[in-house]
Amino acid sequence: MVVVIAGDSDLNGEYHKVPRGSFEMQEDMAMTFRGYHCDIVDSDGNAVPGGQLTRKDGLTRRILKAGYRCHILSGRVTFKRFFY
C-alpha cells in the first residue's frame, strides 16, 4: 500500500481517480469520496465512526483530522482545507 501525504498538490478541488492507496492528513481537511471502498482510521489505526464508505454511500463528505488516514480501494476523491 502506498502512503501519499495530502497537501497543496491535492487541494485543487479536482477529483483524483485512485485505484488503490492511502492518504495521510497533515492538517484537518474535508474529503469528498465516491467509489468502491474507503476506510478512515485515526492516527493510532483505529476505525473512525462513520468512516467505512462504500458505493452505497454515493457521494460522501467527511471531515478528517490531522493524522487520520484514508485507505482507498478504487474511488474518486478530493481534499480541501477545512476552516473552523
N, C-alpha and C. Protein backbone atom coordinates (compact mmCIF):
# COMPACT_ATOMS: atom_id res chain seq x y z
N MET A 1 0.84 -1.18 0.00
CA MET A 1 0.00 0.00 0.00
C MET A 1 0.89 1.24 0.00
N VAL A 2 0.57 2.18 -0.83
CA VAL A 2 1.34 3.42 -0.97
C VAL A 2 0.73 4.49 -0.06
N VAL A 3 1.56 5.20 0.67
CA VAL A 3 1.09 6.30 1.50
C VAL A 3 1.43 7.60 0.79
N VAL A 4 0.41 8.39 0.52
CA VAL A 4 0.58 9.68 -0.13
C VAL A 4 0.18 10.74 0.88
N ILE A 5 1.03 11.70 1.12
CA ILE A 5 0.72 12.78 2.06
C ILE A 5 -0.13 13.81 1.34
N ALA A 6 -1.34 14.04 1.84
CA ALA A 6 -2.23 15.02 1.22
C ALA A 6 -1.77 16.42 1.60
N GLY A 7 -1.63 17.26 0.63
CA GLY A 7 -1.17 18.63 0.87
C GLY A 7 -1.61 19.53 -0.25
N ASP A 8 -0.85 20.59 -0.53
CA ASP A 8 -1.25 21.58 -1.52
C ASP A 8 -1.52 20.98 -2.89
N SER A 9 -0.76 19.97 -3.29
CA SER A 9 -0.97 19.40 -4.62
C SER A 9 -2.30 18.66 -4.73
N ASP A 10 -2.89 18.27 -3.62
CA ASP A 10 -4.17 17.56 -3.64
C ASP A 10 -5.35 18.48 -3.34
N LEU A 11 -5.10 19.76 -3.20
CA LEU A 11 -6.15 20.68 -2.77
C LEU A 11 -6.72 21.53 -3.89
N ASN A 12 -6.55 21.12 -5.13
CA ASN A 12 -7.03 21.95 -6.23
C ASN A 12 -8.50 21.74 -6.55
N GLY A 13 -9.20 20.92 -5.78
CA GLY A 13 -10.64 20.75 -5.96
C GLY A 13 -11.02 19.78 -7.06
N GLU A 14 -10.05 19.22 -7.76
CA GLU A 14 -10.35 18.24 -8.79
C GLU A 14 -10.35 16.85 -8.19
N TYR A 15 -11.17 15.97 -8.77
CA TYR A 15 -11.20 14.59 -8.30
C TYR A 15 -9.94 13.87 -8.76
N HIS A 16 -9.38 13.09 -7.86
CA HIS A 16 -8.26 12.22 -8.18
C HIS A 16 -8.81 10.81 -8.26
N LYS A 17 -8.59 10.14 -9.38
CA LYS A 17 -9.00 8.76 -9.52
C LYS A 17 -7.94 7.90 -8.84
N VAL A 18 -8.34 7.15 -7.83
CA VAL A 18 -7.41 6.36 -7.02
C VAL A 18 -7.76 4.89 -7.17
N PRO A 19 -6.92 4.10 -7.85
CA PRO A 19 -7.20 2.67 -7.95
C PRO A 19 -6.98 1.96 -6.61
N ARG A 20 -5.96 2.41 -5.87
CA ARG A 20 -5.66 1.83 -4.56
C ARG A 20 -4.57 2.67 -3.90
N GLY A 21 -4.78 3.06 -2.66
CA GLY A 21 -3.76 3.84 -1.98
C GLY A 21 -4.23 4.36 -0.65
N SER A 22 -3.33 5.02 0.05
CA SER A 22 -3.62 5.61 1.35
C SER A 22 -3.22 7.07 1.35
N PHE A 23 -4.01 7.87 2.03
CA PHE A 23 -3.71 9.28 2.18
C PHE A 23 -3.63 9.59 3.66
N GLU A 24 -2.54 10.24 4.07
CA GLU A 24 -2.40 10.65 5.47
C GLU A 24 -2.56 12.16 5.55
N MET A 25 -3.43 12.62 6.42
CA MET A 25 -3.71 14.04 6.55
C MET A 25 -2.64 14.74 7.37
N GLN A 26 -2.10 15.82 6.84
CA GLN A 26 -1.14 16.63 7.58
C GLN A 26 -1.84 17.70 8.38
N GLU A 27 -3.07 18.01 8.01
CA GLU A 27 -3.86 19.02 8.70
C GLU A 27 -5.33 18.62 8.55
N ASP A 28 -6.20 19.29 9.31
CA ASP A 28 -7.62 19.00 9.19
C ASP A 28 -8.09 19.34 7.78
N MET A 29 -8.86 18.43 7.17
CA MET A 29 -9.32 18.63 5.80
C MET A 29 -10.72 18.04 5.61
N ALA A 30 -11.40 18.55 4.59
CA ALA A 30 -12.66 17.97 4.15
C ALA A 30 -12.35 17.05 2.97
N MET A 31 -12.85 15.82 3.04
CA MET A 31 -12.66 14.86 1.96
C MET A 31 -14.01 14.53 1.35
N THR A 32 -14.06 14.55 0.03
CA THR A 32 -15.24 14.09 -0.69
C THR A 32 -14.85 12.82 -1.42
N PHE A 33 -15.68 11.76 -1.25
CA PHE A 33 -15.35 10.45 -1.81
C PHE A 33 -16.56 9.85 -2.50
N ARG A 34 -16.29 9.21 -3.62
CA ARG A 34 -17.28 8.37 -4.30
C ARG A 34 -16.52 7.20 -4.88
N GLY A 35 -16.94 6.00 -4.58
CA GLY A 35 -16.24 4.85 -5.13
C GLY A 35 -16.60 3.55 -4.47
N TYR A 36 -15.71 2.58 -4.65
CA TYR A 36 -15.94 1.22 -4.21
C TYR A 36 -15.80 1.07 -2.69
N HIS A 37 -14.67 1.54 -2.13
CA HIS A 37 -14.47 1.37 -0.70
C HIS A 37 -13.42 2.35 -0.16
N CYS A 38 -13.68 2.88 1.03
CA CYS A 38 -12.74 3.76 1.71
C CYS A 38 -12.87 3.53 3.22
N ASP A 39 -11.76 3.24 3.88
CA ASP A 39 -11.72 3.12 5.34
C ASP A 39 -10.96 4.31 5.89
N ILE A 40 -11.53 4.96 6.90
CA ILE A 40 -10.87 6.08 7.56
C ILE A 40 -10.48 5.63 8.96
N VAL A 41 -9.19 5.80 9.29
CA VAL A 41 -8.70 5.42 10.62
C VAL A 41 -7.99 6.61 11.25
N ASP A 42 -7.94 6.60 12.59
CA ASP A 42 -7.26 7.68 13.28
C ASP A 42 -5.75 7.44 13.31
N SER A 43 -5.02 8.30 14.00
CA SER A 43 -3.55 8.21 14.00
C SER A 43 -3.04 6.94 14.69
N ASP A 44 -3.88 6.28 15.49
CA ASP A 44 -3.50 5.03 16.14
C ASP A 44 -3.92 3.80 15.33
N GLY A 45 -4.58 4.03 14.20
CA GLY A 45 -5.02 2.93 13.35
C GLY A 45 -6.40 2.38 13.70
N ASN A 46 -7.10 3.06 14.61
CA ASN A 46 -8.45 2.63 14.99
C ASN A 46 -9.49 3.19 14.02
N ALA A 47 -10.50 2.40 13.72
CA ALA A 47 -11.56 2.83 12.82
C ALA A 47 -12.27 4.05 13.40
N VAL A 48 -12.58 5.01 12.52
CA VAL A 48 -13.31 6.22 12.90
C VAL A 48 -14.80 5.95 12.69
N PRO A 49 -15.67 6.27 13.66
CA PRO A 49 -17.11 6.06 13.47
C PRO A 49 -17.60 6.75 12.19
N GLY A 50 -18.35 6.01 11.39
CA GLY A 50 -18.84 6.55 10.12
C GLY A 50 -17.78 6.61 9.04
N GLY A 51 -16.65 5.96 9.27
CA GLY A 51 -15.52 6.05 8.35
C GLY A 51 -15.35 4.89 7.40
N GLN A 52 -16.36 4.03 7.29
CA GLN A 52 -16.30 2.96 6.30
C GLN A 52 -17.28 3.29 5.19
N LEU A 53 -16.73 3.77 4.08
CA LEU A 53 -17.56 4.24 2.97
C LEU A 53 -17.55 3.22 1.84
N THR A 54 -18.73 3.01 1.24
CA THR A 54 -18.85 2.09 0.12
C THR A 54 -19.68 2.74 -0.98
N ARG A 55 -19.89 2.02 -2.06
CA ARG A 55 -20.71 2.52 -3.17
C ARG A 55 -22.10 2.92 -2.71
N LYS A 56 -22.63 2.21 -1.72
CA LYS A 56 -23.98 2.50 -1.23
C LYS A 56 -24.09 3.92 -0.66
N ASP A 57 -22.97 4.48 -0.22
CA ASP A 57 -22.98 5.83 0.37
C ASP A 57 -23.03 6.93 -0.69
N GLY A 58 -22.75 6.59 -1.94
CA GLY A 58 -22.75 7.59 -3.00
C GLY A 58 -21.68 8.65 -2.76
N LEU A 59 -21.95 9.86 -3.18
CA LEU A 59 -21.02 10.97 -2.99
C LEU A 59 -21.09 11.38 -1.51
N THR A 60 -19.97 11.27 -0.81
CA THR A 60 -19.94 11.46 0.64
C THR A 60 -18.83 12.41 1.03
N ARG A 61 -19.12 13.27 2.02
CA ARG A 61 -18.12 14.19 2.52
C ARG A 61 -17.85 13.89 3.99
N ARG A 62 -16.59 13.87 4.36
CA ARG A 62 -16.18 13.66 5.75
C ARG A 62 -15.13 14.69 6.13
N ILE A 63 -15.14 15.09 7.39
CA ILE A 63 -14.12 15.97 7.93
C ILE A 63 -13.06 15.08 8.57
N LEU A 64 -11.82 15.24 8.13
CA LEU A 64 -10.71 14.42 8.61
C LEU A 64 -9.74 15.26 9.42
N LYS A 65 -9.31 14.74 10.53
CA LYS A 65 -8.36 15.45 11.40
C LYS A 65 -6.93 15.10 11.01
N ALA A 66 -6.02 15.98 11.36
CA ALA A 66 -4.60 15.72 11.11
C ALA A 66 -4.21 14.39 11.72
N GLY A 67 -3.48 13.58 10.95
CA GLY A 67 -3.05 12.27 11.41
C GLY A 67 -3.95 11.14 10.96
N TYR A 68 -5.18 11.46 10.55
CA TYR A 68 -6.08 10.42 10.03
C TYR A 68 -5.54 9.88 8.71
N ARG A 69 -5.89 8.64 8.40
CA ARG A 69 -5.53 8.04 7.12
C ARG A 69 -6.78 7.52 6.43
N CYS A 70 -6.80 7.65 5.13
CA CYS A 70 -7.87 7.10 4.29
C CYS A 70 -7.25 6.00 3.45
N HIS A 71 -7.76 4.79 3.60
CA HIS A 71 -7.30 3.66 2.81
C HIS A 71 -8.37 3.42 1.74
N ILE A 72 -8.00 3.69 0.50
CA ILE A 72 -8.97 3.65 -0.60
C ILE A 72 -8.71 2.45 -1.50
N LEU A 73 -9.79 1.76 -1.82
CA LEU A 73 -9.75 0.68 -2.79
C LEU A 73 -10.71 1.07 -3.90
N SER A 74 -10.21 1.77 -4.89
CA SER A 74 -10.94 2.23 -6.06
C SER A 74 -11.98 3.29 -5.74
N GLY A 75 -11.71 4.49 -6.18
CA GLY A 75 -12.64 5.57 -5.99
C GLY A 75 -12.10 6.89 -6.52
N ARG A 76 -12.92 7.91 -6.39
CA ARG A 76 -12.54 9.27 -6.75
C ARG A 76 -12.62 10.11 -5.48
N VAL A 77 -11.61 10.95 -5.27
CA VAL A 77 -11.52 11.68 -4.02
C VAL A 77 -11.00 13.10 -4.25
N THR A 78 -11.49 14.03 -3.43
CA THR A 78 -10.93 15.39 -3.39
C THR A 78 -10.64 15.72 -1.92
N PHE A 79 -9.69 16.61 -1.72
CA PHE A 79 -9.37 17.11 -0.39
C PHE A 79 -9.37 18.63 -0.43
N LYS A 80 -9.94 19.26 0.60
CA LYS A 80 -9.92 20.71 0.72
C LYS A 80 -9.63 21.06 2.16
N ARG A 81 -8.90 22.15 2.35
CA ARG A 81 -8.63 22.61 3.72
C ARG A 81 -9.97 22.94 4.38
N PHE A 82 -10.05 22.56 5.63
CA PHE A 82 -11.27 22.79 6.39
C PHE A 82 -11.01 23.92 7.38
N PHE A 83 -11.80 24.96 7.30
CA PHE A 83 -11.63 26.10 8.20
C PHE A 83 -12.74 26.08 9.22
N TYR A 84 -12.35 26.14 10.48
CA TYR A 84 -13.33 26.09 11.57
C TYR A 84 -14.02 27.41 11.70
